[in-house]
Amino acid sequence: MSGLMIKTLAQYLTNDSKMLGGGNAMKHKGNTQVMIFMLALISIFIKGLIVYLGYNLLMPKLIFSVAGPNKSLAEIENNFRPLNYWESVILVILTNTLF
């Protein structure tokens, strides 16, 4: 099912149509740009979710491993401020812009 959807989307984006006079007929130019923009937004939101989950689950443990024996994991988790979803989306946009 997913492979069919990707193939259909690829055909839609590349305007898979018959050749007319040596060139492709550009039927859906405006819709293609909107579709690409929507796919870029969806990609940013999915990356933001990955950053949100990864940061909030892993950072307390990474801080604990760097902090040494003088702090407990419970103390680090109590002082840890988790990232909210919109902060992670902004972080994704920032890193995409910089790199």
PDB file of N, CA and C in Angstrom:
ATOM      1  N   MET A   1       0.830  -1.189   0.000  1.00  0.00           N
ATOM      2  CA  MET A   1       0.000   0.000   0.000  1.00  0.00           C
ATOM      3  C   MET A   1       0.871   1.248   0.000  1.00  0.00           C
ATOM      4  N   SER A   2       1.866   1.284   0.883  1.00  0.00           N
ATOM      5  CA  SER A   2       2.738   2.438   1.001  1.00  0.00           C
ATOM      6  C   SER A   2       3.560   2.643  -0.262  1.00  0.00           C
ATOM      7  N   GLY A   3       4.040   1.531  -0.869  1.00  0.00           N
ATOM      8  CA  GLY A   3       4.814   1.625  -2.098  1.00  0.00           C
ATOM      9  C   GLY A   3       3.985   2.201  -3.229  1.00  0.00           C
ATOM     10  N   LEU A   4       2.715   1.828  -3.295  1.00  0.00           N
ATOM     11  CA  LEU A   4       1.830   2.364  -4.318  1.00  0.00           C
ATOM     12  C   LEU A   4       1.618   3.853  -4.120  1.00  0.00           C
ATOM     13  N   MET A   5       1.458   4.274  -2.862  1.00  0.00           N
ATOM     14  CA  MET A   5       1.249   5.680  -2.579  1.00  0.00           C
ATOM     15  C   MET A   5       2.486   6.502  -2.939  1.00  0.00           C
ATOM     16  N   ILE A   6       3.680   5.982  -2.656  1.00  0.00           N
ATOM     17  CA  ILE A   6       4.909   6.698  -2.993  1.00  0.00           C
ATOM     18  C   ILE A   6       5.073   6.774  -4.503  1.00  0.00           C
ATOM     19  N   LYS A   7       4.758   5.676  -5.210  1.00  0.00           N
ATOM     20  CA  LYS A   7       4.860   5.679  -6.659  1.00  0.00           C
ATOM     21  C   LYS A   7       3.884   6.677  -7.262  1.00  0.00           C
ATOM     22  N   THR A   8       2.663   6.723  -6.765  1.00  0.00           N
ATOM     23  CA  THR A   8       1.667   7.662  -7.261  1.00  0.00           C
ATOM     24  C   THR A   8       2.099   9.085  -6.983  1.00  0.00           C
ATOM     25  N   LEU A   9       2.639   9.344  -5.802  1.00  0.00           N
ATOM     26  CA  LEU A   9       3.109  10.683  -5.462  1.00  0.00           C
ATOM     27  C   LEU A   9       4.277  11.085  -6.358  1.00  0.00           C
ATOM     28  N   ALA A  10       5.189  10.145  -6.618  1.00  0.00           N
ATOM     29  CA  ALA A  10       6.324  10.434  -7.489  1.00  0.00           C
ATOM     30  C   ALA A  10       5.854  10.735  -8.906  1.00  0.00           C
ATOM     31  N   GLN A  11       4.879   9.996  -9.397  1.00  0.00           N
ATOM     32  CA  GLN A  11       4.342  10.260 -10.724  1.00  0.00           C
ATOM     33  C   GLN A  11       3.655  11.613 -10.769  1.00  0.00           C
ATOM     34  N   TYR A  12       2.952  11.971  -9.699  1.00  0.00           N
ATOM     35  CA  TYR A  12       2.268  13.257  -9.644  1.00  0.00           C
ATOM     36  C   TYR A  12       3.276  14.405  -9.637  1.00  0.00           C
ATOM     37  N   LEU A  13       4.348  14.266  -8.847  1.00  0.00           N
ATOM     38  CA  LEU A  13       5.323  15.339  -8.740  1.00  0.00           C
ATOM     39  C   LEU A  13       6.164  15.498  -9.998  1.00  0.00           C
ATOM     40  N   THR A  14       6.409  14.423 -10.711  1.00  0.00           N
ATOM     41  CA  THR A  14       7.219  14.516 -11.925  1.00  0.00           C
ATOM     42  C   THR A  14       6.375  14.692 -13.170  1.00  0.00           C
ATOM     43  N   ASN A  15       5.081  14.882 -13.005  1.00  0.00           N
ATOM     44  CA  ASN A  15       4.162  15.079 -14.127  1.00  0.00           C
ATOM     45  C   ASN A  15       4.314  13.975 -15.158  1.00  0.00           C
ATOM     46  N   ASP A  16       4.146  12.745 -14.721  1.00  0.00           N
ATOM     47  CA  ASP A  16       4.264  11.575 -15.588  1.00  0.00           C
ATOM     48  C   ASP A  16       3.126  11.611 -16.602  1.00  0.00           C
ATOM     49  N   SER A  17       3.377  12.220 -17.722  1.00  0.00           N
ATOM     50  CA  SER A  17       2.356  12.346 -18.759  1.00  0.00           C
ATOM     51  C   SER A  17       2.963  12.001 -20.105  1.00  0.00           C
ATOM     52  N   LYS A  18       2.135  11.961 -21.103  1.00  0.00           N
ATOM     53  CA  LYS A  18       2.592  11.615 -22.447  1.00  0.00           C
ATOM     54  C   LYS A  18       3.338  12.793 -23.056  1.00  0.00           C
ATOM     55  N   MET A  19       4.271  12.479 -23.929  1.00  0.00           N
ATOM     56  CA  MET A  19       5.051  13.503 -24.604  1.00  0.00           C
ATOM     57  C   MET A  19       4.201  14.173 -25.685  1.00  0.00           C
ATOM     58  N   LEU A  20       4.215  15.470 -25.686  1.00  0.00           N
ATOM     59  CA  LEU A  20       3.494  16.235 -26.690  1.00  0.00           C
ATOM     60  C   LEU A  20       4.472  17.189 -27.364  1.00  0.00           C
ATOM     61  N   GLY A  21       4.795  16.918 -28.609  1.00  0.00           N
ATOM     62  CA  GLY A  21       5.664  17.830 -29.347  1.00  0.00           C
ATOM     63  C   GLY A  21       7.084  17.883 -28.819  1.00  0.00           C
ATOM     64  N   GLY A  22       7.572  16.832 -28.212  1.00  0.00           N
ATOM     65  CA  GLY A  22       8.946  16.808 -27.729  1.00  0.00           C
ATOM     66  C   GLY A  22       9.122  17.277 -26.301  1.00  0.00           C
ATOM     67  N   GLY A  23       8.072  17.682 -25.619  1.00  0.00           N
ATOM     68  CA  GLY A  23       8.215  18.146 -24.233  1.00  0.00           C
ATOM     69  C   GLY A  23       7.067  17.660 -23.376  1.00  0.00           C
ATOM     70  N   ASN A  24       7.248  17.745 -22.086  1.00  0.00           N
ATOM     71  CA  ASN A  24       6.192  17.349 -21.154  1.00  0.00           C
ATOM     72  C   ASN A  24       5.151  18.445 -21.052  1.00  0.00           C
ATOM     73  N   ALA A  25       3.925  18.042 -20.932  1.00  0.00           N
ATOM     74  CA  ALA A  25       2.851  18.995 -20.685  1.00  0.00           C
ATOM     75  C   ALA A  25       2.811  19.258 -19.182  1.00  0.00           C
ATOM     76  N   MET A  26       2.987  20.497 -18.755  1.00  0.00           N
ATOM     77  CA  MET A  26       2.986  20.860 -17.338  1.00  0.00           C
ATOM     78  C   MET A  26       1.550  21.173 -16.917  1.00  0.00           C
ATOM     79  N   LYS A  27       0.860  20.165 -16.401  1.00  0.00           N
ATOM     80  CA  LYS A  27      -0.538  20.331 -16.028  1.00  0.00           C
ATOM     81  C   LYS A  27      -0.713  20.919 -14.633  1.00  0.00           C
ATOM     82  N   HIS A  28      -0.009  20.358 -13.657  1.00  0.00           N
ATOM     83  CA  HIS A  28      -0.278  20.657 -12.254  1.00  0.00           C
ATOM     84  C   HIS A  28       0.844  21.466 -11.628  1.00  0.00           C
ATOM     85  N   LYS A  29       1.292  22.521 -12.277  1.00  0.00           N
ATOM     86  CA  LYS A  29       2.450  23.251 -11.764  1.00  0.00           C
ATOM     87  C   LYS A  29       2.166  23.892 -10.404  1.00  0.00           C
ATOM     88  N   GLY A  30       1.037  24.545 -10.254  1.00  0.00           N
ATOM     89  CA  GLY A  30       0.703  25.181  -8.980  1.00  0.00           C
ATOM     90  C   GLY A  30       0.472  24.168  -7.878  1.00  0.00           C
ATOM     91  N   ASN A  31      -0.203  23.083  -8.193  1.00  0.00           N
ATOM     92  CA  ASN A  31      -0.474  22.052  -7.197  1.00  0.00           C
ATOM     93  C   ASN A  31       0.803  21.347  -6.761  1.00  0.00           C
ATOM     94  N   THR A  32       1.757  21.199  -7.669  1.00  0.00           N
ATOM     95  CA  THR A  32       3.012  20.542  -7.338  1.00  0.00           C
ATOM     96  C   THR A  32       3.786  21.361  -6.314  1.00  0.00           C
ATOM     97  N   GLN A  33       3.817  22.660  -6.481  1.00  0.00           N
ATOM     98  CA  GLN A  33       4.525  23.518  -5.533  1.00  0.00           C
ATOM     99  C   GLN A  33       3.884  23.469  -4.155  1.00  0.00           C
ATOM    100  N   VAL A  34       2.573  23.449  -4.105  1.00  0.00           N
ATOM    101  CA  VAL A  34       1.864  23.346  -2.828  1.00  0.00           C
ATOM    102  C   VAL A  34       2.145  21.993  -2.182  1.00  0.00           C
ATOM    103  N   MET A  35       2.159  20.942  -2.989  1.00  0.00           N
ATOM    104  CA  MET A  35       2.419  19.592  -2.473  1.00  0.00           C
ATOM    105  C   MET A  35       3.835  19.496  -1.901  1.00  0.00           C
ATOM    106  N   ILE A  36       4.814  20.052  -2.597  1.00  0.00           N
ATOM    107  CA  ILE A  36       6.194  20.036  -2.104  1.00  0.00           C
ATOM    108  C   ILE A  36       6.301  20.835  -0.805  1.00  0.00           C
ATOM    109  N   PHE A  37       5.635  21.979  -0.726  1.00  0.00           N
ATOM    110  CA  PHE A  37       5.639  22.780   0.502  1.00  0.00           C
ATOM    111  C   PHE A  37       5.016  22.015   1.665  1.00  0.00           C
ATOM    112  N   MET A  38       3.909  21.327   1.414  1.00  0.00           N
ATOM    113  CA  MET A  38       3.254  20.560   2.468  1.00  0.00           C
ATOM    114  C   MET A  38       4.139  19.394   2.925  1.00  0.00           C
ATOM    115  N   LEU A  39       4.819  18.722   1.991  1.00  0.00           N
ATOM    116  CA  LEU A  39       5.721  17.630   2.362  1.00  0.00           C
ATOM    117  C   LEU A  39       6.893  18.152   3.191  1.00  0.00           C
ATOM    118  N   ALA A  40       7.387  19.353   2.865  1.00  0.00           N
ATOM    119  CA  ALA A  40       8.472  19.951   3.651  1.00  0.00           C
ATOM    120  C   ALA A  40       7.993  20.259   5.073  1.00  0.00           C
ATOM    121  N   LEU A  41       6.779  20.782   5.216  1.00  0.00           N
ATOM    122  CA  LEU A  41       6.232  21.063   6.551  1.00  0.00           C
ATOM    123  C   LEU A  41       6.042  19.784   7.357  1.00  0.00           C
ATOM    124  N   ILE A  42       5.502  18.762   6.724  1.00  0.00           N
ATOM    125  CA  ILE A  42       5.312  17.486   7.419  1.00  0.00           C
ATOM    126  C   ILE A  42       6.655  16.928   7.858  1.00  0.00           C
ATOM    127  N   SER A  43       7.654  17.049   6.994  1.00  0.00           N
ATOM    128  CA  SER A  43       9.000  16.576   7.332  1.00  0.00           C
ATOM    129  C   SER A  43       9.554  17.314   8.544  1.00  0.00           C
ATOM    130  N   ILE A  44       9.371  18.624   8.606  1.00  0.00           N
ATOM    131  CA  ILE A  44       9.864  19.416   9.745  1.00  0.00           C
ATOM    132  C   ILE A  44       9.152  18.995  11.029  1.00  0.00           C
ATOM    133  N   PHE A  45       7.841  18.765  10.961  1.00  0.00           N
ATOM    134  CA  PHE A  45       7.099  18.374  12.162  1.00  0.00           C
ATOM    135  C   PHE A  45       7.489  16.976  12.645  1.00  0.00           C
ATOM    136  N   ILE A  46       7.770  16.063  11.730  1.00  0.00           N
ATOM    137  CA  ILE A  46       8.214  14.724  12.132  1.00  0.00           C
ATOM    138  C   ILE A  46       9.607  14.790  12.741  1.00  0.00           C
ATOM    139  N   LYS A  47      10.499  15.579  12.144  1.00  0.00           N
ATOM    140  CA  LYS A  47      11.836  15.750  12.712  1.00  0.00           C
ATOM    141  C   LYS A  47      11.749  16.404  14.094  1.00  0.00           C
ATOM    142  N   GLY A  48      10.834  17.358  14.257  1.00  0.00           N
ATOM    143  CA  GLY A  48      10.631  17.989  15.557  1.00  0.00           C
ATOM    144  C   GLY A  48      10.183  16.995  16.609  1.00  0.00           C
ATOM    145  N   LEU A  49       9.323  16.056  16.224  1.00  0.00           N
ATOM    146  CA  LEU A  49       8.879  15.019  17.156  1.00  0.00           C
ATOM    147  C   LEU A  49      10.040  14.112  17.557  1.00  0.00           C
ATOM    148  N   ILE A  50      10.902  13.779  16.600  1.00  0.00           N
ATOM    149  CA  ILE A  50      12.060  12.938  16.900  1.00  0.00           C
ATOM    150  C   ILE A  50      13.007  13.663  17.845  1.00  0.00           C
ATOM    151  N   VAL A  51      13.256  14.957  17.603  1.00  0.00           N
ATOM    152  CA  VAL A  51      14.135  15.728  18.491  1.00  0.00           C
ATOM    153  C   VAL A  51      13.516  15.837  19.884  1.00  0.00           C
ATOM    154  N   TYR A  52      12.215  16.098  19.942  1.00  0.00           N
ATOM    155  CA  TYR A  52      11.508  16.221  21.213  1.00  0.00           C
ATOM    156  C   TYR A  52      11.638  14.958  22.059  1.00  0.00           C
ATOM    157  N   LEU A  53      11.352  13.816  21.449  1.00  0.00           N
ATOM    158  CA  LEU A  53      11.424  12.559  22.190  1.00  0.00           C
ATOM    159  C   LEU A  53      12.860  12.189  22.540  1.00  0.00           C
ATOM    160  N   GLY A  54      13.752  12.343  21.585  1.00  0.00           N
ATOM    161  CA  GLY A  54      15.149  11.977  21.826  1.00  0.00           C
ATOM    162  C   GLY A  54      15.798  12.815  22.901  1.00  0.00           C
ATOM    163  N   TYR A  55      15.584  14.114  22.858  1.00  0.00           N
ATOM    164  CA  TYR A  55      16.189  15.003  23.848  1.00  0.00           C
ATOM    165  C   TYR A  55      15.640  14.723  25.244  1.00  0.00           C
ATOM    166  N   ASN A  56      14.320  14.656  25.347  1.00  0.00           N
ATOM    167  CA  ASN A  56      13.714  14.490  26.671  1.00  0.00           C
ATOM    168  C   ASN A  56      13.986  13.124  27.296  1.00  0.00           C
ATOM    169  N   LEU A  57      14.188  12.105  26.476  1.00  0.00           N
ATOM    170  CA  LEU A  57      14.466  10.779  27.031  1.00  0.00           C
ATOM    171  C   LEU A  57      15.954  10.550  27.301  1.00  0.00           C
ATOM    172  N   LEU A  58      16.825  11.116  26.476  1.00  0.00           N
ATOM    173  CA  LEU A  58      18.242  10.799  26.582  1.00  0.00           C
ATOM    174  C   LEU A  58      19.072  11.798  27.388  1.00  0.00           C
ATOM    175  N   MET A  59      18.722  13.059  27.360  1.00  0.00           N
ATOM    176  CA  MET A  59      19.592  14.064  27.985  1.00  0.00           C
ATOM    177  C   MET A  59      19.807  13.862  29.487  1.00  0.00           C
ATOM    178  N   PRO A  60      18.793  13.520  30.288  1.00  0.00           N
ATOM    179  CA  PRO A  60      19.094  13.302  31.714  1.00  0.00           C
ATOM    180  C   PRO A  60      20.131  12.202  31.932  1.00  0.00           C
ATOM    181  N   LYS A  61      20.067  11.165  31.137  1.00  0.00           N
ATOM    182  CA  LYS A  61      21.028  10.062  31.280  1.00  0.00           C
ATOM    183  C   LYS A  61      22.422  10.473  30.798  1.00  0.00           C
ATOM    184  N   LEU A  62      22.485  11.259  29.732  1.00  0.00           N
ATOM    185  CA  LEU A  62      23.782  11.742  29.259  1.00  0.00           C
ATOM    186  C   LEU A  62      24.413  12.713  30.258  1.00  0.00           C
ATOM    187  N   ILE A  63      23.599  13.582  30.847  1.00  0.00           N
ATOM    188  CA  ILE A  63      24.107  14.512  31.866  1.00  0.00           C
ATOM    189  C   ILE A  63      24.612  13.738  33.071  1.00  0.00           C
ATOM    190  N   PHE A  64      23.885  12.692  33.444  1.00  0.00           N
ATOM    191  CA  PHE A  64      24.296  11.858  34.581  1.00  0.00           C
ATOM    192  C   PHE A  64      25.652  11.196  34.312  1.00  0.00           C
ATOM    193  N   SER A  65      25.860  10.738  33.091  1.00  0.00           N
ATOM    194  CA  SER A  65      27.126  10.068  32.787  1.00  0.00           C
ATOM    195  C   SER A  65      28.284  11.059  32.755  1.00  0.00           C
ATOM    196  N   VAL A  66      28.027  12.314  32.453  1.00  0.00           N
ATOM    197  CA  VAL A  66      29.081  13.323  32.413  1.00  0.00           C
ATOM    198  C   VAL A  66      29.300  13.947  33.791  1.00  0.00           C
ATOM    199  N   ALA A  67      28.254  14.022  34.618  1.00  0.00           N
ATOM    200  CA  ALA A  67      28.321  14.720  35.907  1.00  0.00           C
ATOM    201  C   ALA A  67      29.246  14.038  36.904  1.00  0.00           C
ATOM    202  N   GLY A  68      29.414  12.755  36.787  1.00  0.00           N
ATOM    203  CA  GLY A  68      30.292  12.065  37.719  1.00  0.00           C
ATOM    204  C   GLY A  68      29.544  11.536  38.923  1.00  0.00           C
ATOM    205  N   PRO A  69      30.279  11.072  39.932  1.00  0.00           N
ATOM    206  CA  PRO A  69      29.650  10.394  41.069  1.00  0.00           C
ATOM    207  C   PRO A  69      29.014  11.337  42.091  1.00  0.00           C
ATOM    208  N   ASN A  70      29.204  12.656  41.978  1.00  0.00           N
ATOM    209  CA  ASN A  70      28.699  13.560  43.018  1.00  0.00           C
ATOM    210  C   ASN A  70      27.211  13.883  42.882  1.00  0.00           C
ATOM    211  N   LYS A  71      26.540  13.508  41.783  1.00  0.00           N
ATOM    212  CA  LYS A  71      25.103  13.771  41.620  1.00  0.00           C
ATOM    213  C   LYS A  71      24.390  12.475  41.273  1.00  0.00           C
ATOM    214  N   SER A  72      23.172  12.337  41.810  1.00  0.00           N
ATOM    215  CA  SER A  72      22.382  11.139  41.507  1.00  0.00           C
ATOM    216  C   SER A  72      21.496  11.401  40.295  1.00  0.00           C
ATOM    217  N   LEU A  73      21.039  10.341  39.673  1.00  0.00           N
ATOM    218  CA  LEU A  73      20.164  10.464  38.500  1.00  0.00           C
ATOM    219  C   LEU A  73      18.846  11.134  38.881  1.00  0.00           C
ATOM    220  N   ALA A  74      18.319  10.843  40.069  1.00  0.00           N
ATOM    221  CA  ALA A  74      17.070  11.466  40.520  1.00  0.00           C
ATOM    222  C   ALA A  74      17.237  12.970  40.682  1.00  0.00           C
ATOM    223  N   GLU A  75      18.388  13.401  41.206  1.00  0.00           N
ATOM    224  CA  GLU A  75      18.651  14.837  41.380  1.00  0.00           C
ATOM    225  C   GLU A  75      18.766  15.535  40.024  1.00  0.00           C
ATOM    226  N   ILE A  76      19.415  14.899  39.090  1.00  0.00           N
ATOM    227  CA  ILE A  76      19.544  15.477  37.749  1.00  0.00           C
ATOM    228  C   ILE A  76      18.187  15.543  37.062  1.00  0.00           C
ATOM    229  N   GLU A  77      17.374  14.495  37.181  1.00  0.00           N
ATOM    230  CA  GLU A  77      16.049  14.500  36.564  1.00  0.00           C
ATOM    231  C   GLU A  77      15.138  15.535  37.194  1.00  0.00           C
ATOM    232  N   ASN A  78      15.305  15.820  38.490  1.00  0.00           N
ATOM    233  CA  ASN A  78      14.493  16.850  39.147  1.00  0.00           C
ATOM    234  C   ASN A  78      14.858  18.244  38.657  1.00  0.00           C
ATOM    235  N   ASN A  79      16.130  18.482  38.344  1.00  0.00           N
ATOM    236  CA  ASN A  79      16.572  19.792  37.879  1.00  0.00           C
ATOM    237  C   ASN A  79      16.509  19.945  36.360  1.00  0.00           C
ATOM    238  N   PHE A  80      16.180  18.890  35.652  1.00  0.00           N
ATOM    239  CA  PHE A  80      16.148  18.906  34.195  1.00  0.00           C
ATOM    240  C   PHE A  80      14.859  19.542  33.700  1.00  0.00           C
ATOM    241  N   ARG A  81      14.996  20.528  32.791  1.00  0.00           N
ATOM    242  CA  ARG A  81      13.815  21.130  32.164  1.00  0.00           C
ATOM    243  C   ARG A  81      13.675  20.549  30.752  1.00  0.00           C
ATOM    244  N   PRO A  82      12.614  19.778  30.512  1.00  0.00           N
ATOM    245  CA  PRO A  82      12.457  19.167  29.195  1.00  0.00           C
ATOM    246  C   PRO A  82      12.081  20.201  28.131  1.00  0.00           C
ATOM    247  N   LEU A  83      12.429  19.893  26.913  1.00  0.00           N
ATOM    248  CA  LEU A  83      12.079  20.713  25.756  1.00  0.00           C
ATOM    249  C   LEU A  83      10.615  20.490  25.438  1.00  0.00           C
ATOM    250  N   ASN A  84       9.886  21.561  25.102  1.00  0.00           N
ATOM    251  CA  ASN A  84       8.528  21.321  24.621  1.00  0.00           C
ATOM    252  C   ASN A  84       8.567  21.130  23.105  1.00  0.00           C
ATOM    253  N   TYR A  85       7.447  20.725  22.520  1.00  0.00           N
ATOM    254  CA  TYR A  85       7.426  20.346  21.110  1.00  0.00           C
ATOM    255  C   TYR A  85       7.798  21.515  20.209  1.00  0.00           C
ATOM    256  N   TRP A  86       7.274  22.692  20.486  1.00  0.00           N
ATOM    257  CA  TRP A  86       7.528  23.838  19.592  1.00  0.00           C
ATOM    258  C   TRP A  86       8.981  24.293  19.671  1.00  0.00           C
ATOM    259  N   GLU A  87       9.614  24.149  20.823  1.00  0.00           N
ATOM    260  CA  GLU A  87      11.045  24.444  20.914  1.00  0.00           C
ATOM    261  C   GLU A  87      11.857  23.471  20.064  1.00  0.00           C
ATOM    262  N   SER A  88      11.436  22.230  20.039  1.00  0.00           N
ATOM    263  CA  SER A  88      12.157  21.252  19.217  1.00  0.00           C
ATOM    264  C   SER A  88      11.950  21.531  17.725  1.00  0.00           C
ATOM    265  N   VAL A  89      10.767  21.995  17.328  1.00  0.00           N
ATOM    266  CA  VAL A  89      10.538  22.366  15.926  1.00  0.00           C
ATOM    267  C   VAL A  89      11.411  23.554  15.548  1.00  0.00           C
ATOM    268  N   ILE A  90      11.523  24.538  16.431  1.00  0.00           N
ATOM    269  CA  ILE A  90      12.389  25.693  16.174  1.00  0.00           C
ATOM    270  C   ILE A  90      13.844  25.245  16.061  1.00  0.00           C
ATOM    271  N   LEU A  91      14.259  24.312  16.888  1.00  0.00           N
ATOM    272  CA  LEU A  91      15.620  23.772  16.815  1.00  0.00           C
ATOM    273  C   LEU A  91      15.866  23.066  15.483  1.00  0.00           C
ATOM    274  N   VAL A  92      14.881  22.325  14.994  1.00  0.00           N
ATOM    275  CA  VAL A  92      15.011  21.661  13.701  1.00  0.00           C
ATOM    276  C   VAL A  92      15.124  22.692  12.578  1.00  0.00           C
ATOM    277  N   ILE A  93      14.305  23.731  12.618  1.00  0.00           N
ATOM    278  CA  ILE A  93      14.368  24.776  11.598  1.00  0.00           C
ATOM    279  C   ILE A  93      15.721  25.472  11.647  1.00  0.00           C
ATOM    280  N   LEU A  94      16.211  25.747  12.838  1.00  0.00           N
ATOM    281  CA  LEU A  94      17.521  26.385  12.997  1.00  0.00           C
ATOM    282  C   LEU A  94      18.626  25.529  12.402  1.00  0.00           C
ATOM    283  N   THR A  95      18.642  24.244  12.729  1.00  0.00           N
ATOM    284  CA  THR A  95      19.724  23.387  12.223  1.00  0.00           C
ATOM    285  C   THR A  95      19.590  23.166  10.713  1.00  0.00           C
ATOM    286  N   ASN A  96      18.367  23.099  10.193  1.00  0.00           N
ATOM    287  CA  ASN A  96      18.203  22.985   8.743  1.00  0.00           C
ATOM    288  C   ASN A  96      18.677  24.237   8.021  1.00  0.00           C
ATOM    289  N   THR A  97      18.482  25.387   8.642  1.00  0.00           N
ATOM    290  CA  THR A  97      18.913  26.639   8.036  1.00  0.00           C
ATOM    291  C   THR A  97      20.434  26.778   8.088  1.00  0.00           C
ATOM    292  N   LEU A  98      21.037  26.382   9.198  1.00  0.00           N
ATOM    293  CA  LEU A  98      22.485  26.541   9.348  1.00  0.00           C
ATOM    294  C   LEU A  98      23.277  25.541   8.531  1.00  0.00           C
ATOM    295  N   PHE A  99      22.767  24.336   8.417  1.00  0.00           N
ATOM    296  CA  PHE A  99      23.515  23.294   7.720  1.00  0.00           C
ATOM    297  C   PHE A  99      22.821  22.968   6.458  1.00  0.00           C
TER     298      PHE A  99
END
